[in-house]
């Protein structure tokens, strides 16, 4: 089985993105599954183009997209994605769409085509803080999740806490949850090795 795993580049006021760091650290194979990894731009326009090009090039059997959520202290598989871009801050190209459809004639939301509930249960059984989410925000993470869930390949988007090296504070946070504080998850709850182990578990279970 061949899995394409994507993370994101840094955005906003930060020079680090936990999703990109974790995806870049993944092995090339795990539990008999071959992994291809890539980092997507934090761009409403370019992220979809990049994802389509990666799918056409690699033709994976499954797609796992990883993003960070600064207000969350758990890994949150996204059960649904909304057909809406609504940005609190500009993306890395300076775009800031407001209440704009991702696909003009698409459904208002799309469900994940891989079982978010099952993945959450596996993470919890392994001792990781995990919760199913039904709101991926309206920033580029949700944009990519919606496009991923529209693909014929089975797909899941997961958010991970916005950890920073040395436990420093994240400069972003409310792009996924508007009322969340712009801080990383408590250092006592996660470290990068644990986050990597959680994403490896997800990949191994697809």
C-alpha atoms as a PDB file:
ATOM      1  CA  UNK A   1       0.000   0.000   0.000  1.00  0.00           C
ATOM      2  CA  UNK A   2       1.253   3.455  -0.936  1.00  0.00           C
ATOM      3  CA  UNK A   3       0.239   6.468   1.185  1.00  0.00           C
ATOM      4  CA  UNK A   4       0.797  10.121   0.299  1.00  0.00           C
ATOM      5  CA  UNK A   5       1.270  12.186   3.472  1.00  0.00           C
ATOM      6  CA  UNK A   6       1.249  15.984   3.331  1.00  0.00           C
ATOM      7  CA  UNK A   7       2.072  18.693   5.860  1.00  0.00           C
ATOM      8  CA  UNK A   8       2.275  22.477   5.615  1.00  0.00           C
ATOM      9  CA  UNK A   9       4.969  25.120   5.476  1.00  0.00           C
ATOM     10  CA  UNK A  10       5.093  27.827   8.195  1.00  0.00           C
ATOM     11  CA  UNK A  11       2.663  30.744   7.947  1.00  0.00           C
ATOM     12  CA  UNK A  12       1.600  33.890   9.736  1.00  0.00           C
ATOM     13  CA  UNK A  13       4.239  35.162  12.139  1.00  0.00           C
ATOM     14  CA  UNK A  14       5.934  31.789  12.614  1.00  0.00           C
ATOM     15  CA  UNK A  15       8.970  30.175  11.037  1.00  0.00           C
ATOM     16  CA  UNK A  16       7.920  26.668  12.141  1.00  0.00           C
ATOM     17  CA  UNK A  17       4.931  24.445  11.450  1.00  0.00           C
ATOM     18  CA  UNK A  18       4.468  21.292  13.517  1.00  0.00           C
ATOM     19  CA  UNK A  19       2.678  19.484  10.698  1.00  0.00           C
ATOM     20  CA  UNK A  20       5.511  20.090   8.250  1.00  0.00           C
ATOM     21  CA  UNK A  21       8.139  19.113  10.806  1.00  0.00           C
ATOM     22  CA  UNK A  22       6.376  15.851  11.654  1.00  0.00           C
ATOM     23  CA  UNK A  23       5.680  14.896   8.040  1.00  0.00           C
ATOM     24  CA  UNK A  24       9.288  15.634   7.076  1.00  0.00           C
ATOM     25  CA  UNK A  25      10.473  13.286   9.842  1.00  0.00           C
ATOM     26  CA  UNK A  26       8.346  10.321   8.749  1.00  0.00           C
ATOM     27  CA  UNK A  27      10.136   7.198   7.490  1.00  0.00           C
ATOM     28  CA  UNK A  28       9.778   6.060   3.886  1.00  0.00           C
ATOM     29  CA  UNK A  29       7.908   2.948   4.985  1.00  0.00           C
ATOM     30  CA  UNK A  30       5.980   1.809   8.033  1.00  0.00           C
ATOM     31  CA  UNK A  31       4.068  -1.398   8.816  1.00  0.00           C
ATOM     32  CA  UNK A  32       4.441  -2.568   5.223  1.00  0.00           C
ATOM     33  CA  UNK A  33       3.154   0.718   3.813  1.00  0.00           C
ATOM     34  CA  UNK A  34       5.241   2.895   1.519  1.00  0.00           C
ATOM     35  CA  UNK A  35       5.093   6.579   2.416  1.00  0.00           C
ATOM     36  CA  UNK A  36       5.615   9.521   0.110  1.00  0.00           C
ATOM     37  CA  UNK A  37       5.750  12.862   1.922  1.00  0.00           C
ATOM     38  CA  UNK A  38       5.317  16.427   0.707  1.00  0.00           C
ATOM     39  CA  UNK A  39       4.935  19.918   2.146  1.00  0.00           C
ATOM     40  CA  UNK A  40       2.064  22.031   0.835  1.00  0.00           C
ATOM     41  CA  UNK A  41       2.085  25.825   0.582  1.00  0.00           C
ATOM     42  CA  UNK A  42      -0.165  27.763   2.942  1.00  0.00           C
ATOM     43  CA  UNK A  43      -1.972  29.261  -0.023  1.00  0.00           C
ATOM     44  CA  UNK A  44      -5.615  29.041  -0.983  1.00  0.00           C
ATOM     45  CA  UNK A  45      -4.692  29.108  -4.671  1.00  0.00           C
ATOM     46  CA  UNK A  46      -1.552  26.991  -4.750  1.00  0.00           C
ATOM     47  CA  UNK A  47      -2.333  24.289  -2.171  1.00  0.00           C
ATOM     48  CA  UNK A  48      -4.996  22.657  -4.312  1.00  0.00           C
ATOM     49  CA  UNK A  49      -2.808  22.792  -7.397  1.00  0.00           C
ATOM     50  CA  UNK A  50       0.069  21.230  -5.465  1.00  0.00           C
ATOM     51  CA  UNK A  51      -2.157  18.483  -4.055  1.00  0.00           C
ATOM     52  CA  UNK A  52      -3.559  17.637  -7.494  1.00  0.00           C
ATOM     53  CA  UNK A  53      -0.064  17.461  -8.971  1.00  0.00           C
ATOM     54  CA  UNK A  54       1.135  15.167  -6.180  1.00  0.00           C
ATOM     55  CA  UNK A  55      -1.835  12.829  -6.615  1.00  0.00           C
ATOM     56  CA  UNK A  56      -1.297  12.692 -10.381  1.00  0.00           C
ATOM     57  CA  UNK A  57       2.421  12.032  -9.979  1.00  0.00           C
ATOM     58  CA  UNK A  58       2.344   9.418  -7.221  1.00  0.00           C
ATOM     59  CA  UNK A  59      -1.116   7.814  -7.611  1.00  0.00           C
ATOM     60  CA  UNK A  60      -1.300   6.719  -3.947  1.00  0.00           C
ATOM     61  CA  UNK A  61      -3.718   4.204  -2.495  1.00  0.00           C
ATOM     62  CA  UNK A  62      -4.574   6.580   0.368  1.00  0.00           C
ATOM     63  CA  UNK A  63      -4.070  10.225   1.266  1.00  0.00           C
ATOM     64  CA  UNK A  64      -3.244  11.534   4.749  1.00  0.00           C
ATOM     65  CA  UNK A  65      -3.094  15.310   5.168  1.00  0.00           C
ATOM     66  CA  UNK A  66      -1.705  16.839   8.358  1.00  0.00           C
ATOM     67  CA  UNK A  67      -2.146  20.412   9.572  1.00  0.00           C
ATOM     68  CA  UNK A  68      -1.629  22.208  12.877  1.00  0.00           C
ATOM     69  CA  UNK A  69      -4.213  23.777  15.171  1.00  0.00           C
ATOM     70  CA  UNK A  70      -2.830  26.147  17.767  1.00  0.00           C
ATOM     71  CA  UNK A  71      -5.817  25.985  20.074  1.00  0.00           C
ATOM     72  CA  UNK A  72      -5.958  22.197  20.384  1.00  0.00           C
ATOM     73  CA  UNK A  73      -4.083  19.917  22.765  1.00  0.00           C
ATOM     74  CA  UNK A  74      -5.187  16.694  21.045  1.00  0.00           C
ATOM     75  CA  UNK A  75      -4.749  15.074  17.657  1.00  0.00           C
ATOM     76  CA  UNK A  76      -8.073  15.691  15.911  1.00  0.00           C
ATOM     77  CA  UNK A  77      -9.049  13.677  12.832  1.00  0.00           C
ATOM     78  CA  UNK A  78     -11.454  15.788  10.797  1.00  0.00           C
ATOM     79  CA  UNK A  79     -14.709  13.967  10.082  1.00  0.00           C
ATOM     80  CA  UNK A  80     -15.958  16.729   7.778  1.00  0.00           C
ATOM     81  CA  UNK A  81     -14.694  19.670   5.741  1.00  0.00           C
ATOM     82  CA  UNK A  82     -16.722  22.737   4.757  1.00  0.00           C
ATOM     83  CA  UNK A  83     -17.051  24.219   1.288  1.00  0.00           C
ATOM     84  CA  UNK A  84     -15.963  27.654   2.454  1.00  0.00           C
ATOM     85  CA  UNK A  85     -12.824  29.767   2.628  1.00  0.00           C
ATOM     86  CA  UNK A  86     -13.036  32.483   5.281  1.00  0.00           C
ATOM     87  CA  UNK A  87      -9.649  33.734   6.421  1.00  0.00           C
ATOM     88  CA  UNK A  88      -8.926  35.631   9.629  1.00  0.00           C
ATOM     89  CA  UNK A  89      -5.405  36.400   8.399  1.00  0.00           C
ATOM     90  CA  UNK A  90      -3.894  36.422   4.895  1.00  0.00           C
ATOM     91  CA  UNK A  91      -2.338  33.265   3.533  1.00  0.00           C
ATOM     92  CA  UNK A  92       1.309  33.237   2.470  1.00  0.00           C
ATOM     93  CA  UNK A  93       0.374  34.838  -0.863  1.00  0.00           C
ATOM     94  CA  UNK A  94      -1.503  37.664   0.840  1.00  0.00           C
ATOM     95  CA  UNK A  95      -4.944  36.304  -0.084  1.00  0.00           C
ATOM     96  CA  UNK A  96      -7.740  36.635   2.459  1.00  0.00           C
ATOM     97  CA  UNK A  97     -10.980  35.228   1.020  1.00  0.00           C
ATOM     98  CA  UNK A  98     -14.195  35.854   2.944  1.00  0.00           C
ATOM     99  CA  UNK A  99     -17.148  33.445   2.801  1.00  0.00           C
ATOM    100  CA  UNK A 100     -16.004  32.099  -0.590  1.00  0.00           C
ATOM    101  CA  UNK A 101     -16.955  28.655  -1.895  1.00  0.00           C
ATOM    102  CA  UNK A 102     -14.047  26.281  -2.533  1.00  0.00           C
ATOM    103  CA  UNK A 103     -15.962  24.489  -5.305  1.00  0.00           C
ATOM    104  CA  UNK A 104     -18.766  26.696  -6.633  1.00  0.00           C
ATOM    105  CA  UNK A 105     -21.268  23.910  -7.231  1.00  0.00           C
ATOM    106  CA  UNK A 106     -19.955  21.547  -4.543  1.00  0.00           C
ATOM    107  CA  UNK A 107     -21.776  20.235  -1.455  1.00  0.00           C
ATOM    108  CA  UNK A 108     -21.794  22.464   1.625  1.00  0.00           C
ATOM    109  CA  UNK A 109     -19.575  19.893   3.359  1.00  0.00           C
ATOM    110  CA  UNK A 110     -17.888  16.590   2.606  1.00  0.00           C
ATOM    111  CA  UNK A 111     -17.198  13.675   4.966  1.00  0.00           C
ATOM    112  CA  UNK A 112     -13.787  12.103   5.279  1.00  0.00           C
ATOM    113  CA  UNK A 113     -13.460   9.036   3.080  1.00  0.00           C
ATOM    114  CA  UNK A 114     -11.377   7.294   5.753  1.00  0.00           C
ATOM    115  CA  UNK A 115     -12.979   6.604   9.133  1.00  0.00           C
ATOM    116  CA  UNK A 116     -12.128   9.460  11.515  1.00  0.00           C
ATOM    117  CA  UNK A 117     -13.863   7.723  14.417  1.00  0.00           C
ATOM    118  CA  UNK A 118     -11.809   4.544  13.982  1.00  0.00           C
ATOM    119  CA  UNK A 119      -8.531   6.462  13.788  1.00  0.00           C
ATOM    120  CA  UNK A 120      -9.432   8.471  16.882  1.00  0.00           C
ATOM    121  CA  UNK A 121     -10.200   5.284  18.803  1.00  0.00           C
ATOM    122  CA  UNK A 122      -6.868   3.761  17.775  1.00  0.00           C
ATOM    123  CA  UNK A 123      -4.975   6.856  18.915  1.00  0.00           C
ATOM    124  CA  UNK A 124      -6.811   6.915  22.244  1.00  0.00           C
ATOM    125  CA  UNK A 125      -6.190   3.188  22.797  1.00  0.00           C
ATOM    126  CA  UNK A 126      -2.467   3.831  22.292  1.00  0.00           C
ATOM    127  CA  UNK A 127      -2.508   6.519  24.985  1.00  0.00           C
ATOM    128  CA  UNK A 128      -2.588   9.621  22.789  1.00  0.00           C
ATOM    129  CA  UNK A 129      -4.940  12.522  23.424  1.00  0.00           C
ATOM    130  CA  UNK A 130      -7.338  12.345  20.468  1.00  0.00           C
ATOM    131  CA  UNK A 131     -10.786  13.672  19.593  1.00  0.00           C
ATOM    132  CA  UNK A 132     -12.917  13.577  16.473  1.00  0.00           C
ATOM    133  CA  UNK A 133     -13.440  17.043  15.027  1.00  0.00           C
ATOM    134  CA  UNK A 134     -16.299  18.120  12.776  1.00  0.00           C
ATOM    135  CA  UNK A 135     -14.996  21.618  12.179  1.00  0.00           C
ATOM    136  CA  UNK A 136     -11.680  22.056  10.385  1.00  0.00           C
ATOM    137  CA  UNK A 137     -11.942  25.846  10.480  1.00  0.00           C
ATOM    138  CA  UNK A 138     -12.069  27.892   7.299  1.00  0.00           C
ATOM    139  CA  UNK A 139      -8.365  28.514   6.624  1.00  0.00           C
ATOM    140  CA  UNK A 140      -6.072  26.588   4.250  1.00  0.00           C
ATOM    141  CA  UNK A 141      -6.289  23.376   6.309  1.00  0.00           C
ATOM    142  CA  UNK A 142     -10.035  23.165   5.718  1.00  0.00           C
ATOM    143  CA  UNK A 143      -9.487  24.136   2.074  1.00  0.00           C
ATOM    144  CA  UNK A 144      -7.131  21.194   1.567  1.00  0.00           C
ATOM    145  CA  UNK A 145      -9.354  18.848   3.585  1.00  0.00           C
ATOM    146  CA  UNK A 146     -12.356  19.661   1.393  1.00  0.00           C
ATOM    147  CA  UNK A 147     -10.374  19.104  -1.796  1.00  0.00           C
ATOM    148  CA  UNK A 148      -8.899  15.891  -0.363  1.00  0.00           C
ATOM    149  CA  UNK A 149     -12.334  14.538   0.544  1.00  0.00           C
ATOM    150  CA  UNK A 150     -13.506  15.272  -3.006  1.00  0.00           C
ATOM    151  CA  UNK A 151     -10.828  12.974  -4.479  1.00  0.00           C
ATOM    152  CA  UNK A 152     -11.471   9.372  -5.557  1.00  0.00           C
ATOM    153  CA  UNK A 153      -8.586   8.228  -3.336  1.00  0.00           C
ATOM    154  CA  UNK A 154      -9.503   7.479   0.325  1.00  0.00           C
ATOM    155  CA  UNK A 155      -8.456  10.504   2.383  1.00  0.00           C
ATOM    156  CA  UNK A 156      -8.234  11.796   5.933  1.00  0.00           C
ATOM    157  CA  UNK A 157      -7.130  15.168   7.311  1.00  0.00           C
ATOM    158  CA  UNK A 158      -5.812  15.355  10.864  1.00  0.00           C
ATOM    159  CA  UNK A 159      -4.918  18.389  12.947  1.00  0.00           C
ATOM    160  CA  UNK A 160      -2.037  18.178  15.404  1.00  0.00           C
ATOM    161  CA  UNK A 161      -1.219  20.616  18.228  1.00  0.00           C
ATOM    162  CA  UNK A 162       0.926  23.569  17.161  1.00  0.00           C
ATOM    163  CA  UNK A 163       4.037  22.538  19.073  1.00  0.00           C
ATOM    164  CA  UNK A 164       7.162  24.649  18.870  1.00  0.00           C
ATOM    165  CA  UNK A 165      10.792  23.677  19.603  1.00  0.00           C
ATOM    166  CA  UNK A 166      11.656  24.173  23.243  1.00  0.00           C
ATOM    167  CA  UNK A 167       8.011  24.689  24.210  1.00  0.00           C
ATOM    168  CA  UNK A 168       7.975  28.272  22.913  1.00  0.00           C
ATOM    169  CA  UNK A 169       4.672  29.957  22.129  1.00  0.00           C
ATOM    170  CA  UNK A 170       3.129  29.588  18.693  1.00  0.00           C
ATOM    171  CA  UNK A 171       2.441  32.827  16.877  1.00  0.00           C
ATOM    172  CA  UNK A 172      -0.677  31.390  15.248  1.00  0.00           C
ATOM    173  CA  UNK A 173      -3.631  29.589  16.713  1.00  0.00           C
ATOM    174  CA  UNK A 174      -7.053  30.932  15.843  1.00  0.00           C
ATOM    175  CA  UNK A 175      -7.036  29.959  12.165  1.00  0.00           C
ATOM    176  CA  UNK A 176      -8.806  26.696  13.027  1.00  0.00           C
ATOM    177  CA  UNK A 177     -10.720  27.657  16.178  1.00  0.00           C
ATOM    178  CA  UNK A 178     -11.624  31.338  16.278  1.00  0.00           C
ATOM    179  CA  UNK A 179     -11.919  31.509  20.058  1.00  0.00           C
ATOM    180  CA  UNK A 180      -8.678  29.622  20.720  1.00  0.00           C
ATOM    181  CA  UNK A 181      -5.682  31.313  22.275  1.00  0.00           C
ATOM    182  CA  UNK A 182      -2.606  31.668  20.071  1.00  0.00           C
ATOM    183  CA  UNK A 183      -0.501  29.319  22.144  1.00  0.00           C
ATOM    184  CA  UNK A 184       1.005  25.912  21.628  1.00  0.00           C
ATOM    185  CA  UNK A 185      -0.257  22.888  23.532  1.00  0.00           C
ATOM    186  CA  UNK A 186       1.302  22.442  26.987  1.00  0.00           C
ATOM    187  CA  UNK A 187       4.798  21.010  26.745  1.00  0.00           C
ATOM    188  CA  UNK A 188       3.856  18.435  29.371  1.00  0.00           C
ATOM    189  CA  UNK A 189       1.148  17.051  27.075  1.00  0.00           C
ATOM    190  CA  UNK A 190       3.184  16.546  23.896  1.00  0.00           C
ATOM    191  CA  UNK A 191       6.670  16.643  22.473  1.00  0.00           C
ATOM    192  CA  UNK A 192       7.717  16.259  18.852  1.00  0.00           C
ATOM    193  CA  UNK A 193       8.660  12.603  19.287  1.00  0.00           C
ATOM    194  CA  UNK A 194       5.209  11.805  20.656  1.00  0.00           C
ATOM    195  CA  UNK A 195       3.578  13.761  17.869  1.00  0.00           C
ATOM    196  CA  UNK A 196       5.628  11.861  15.301  1.00  0.00           C
ATOM    197  CA  UNK A 197       4.648   8.555  16.933  1.00  0.00           C
ATOM    198  CA  UNK A 198       0.966   9.518  16.758  1.00  0.00           C
ATOM    199  CA  UNK A 199       1.145  10.377  13.046  1.00  0.00           C
ATOM    200  CA  UNK A 200       3.092   7.164  12.388  1.00  0.00           C
ATOM    201  CA  UNK A 201       0.311   5.225  14.096  1.00  0.00           C
ATOM    202  CA  UNK A 202      -2.283   6.881  11.891  1.00  0.00           C
ATOM    203  CA  UNK A 203      -0.303   6.093   8.731  1.00  0.00           C
ATOM    204  CA  UNK A 204       0.249   2.491   9.831  1.00  0.00           C
ATOM    205  CA  UNK A 205      -3.482   2.027  10.393  1.00  0.00           C
ATOM    206  CA  UNK A 206      -4.687   3.160   6.960  1.00  0.00           C
END
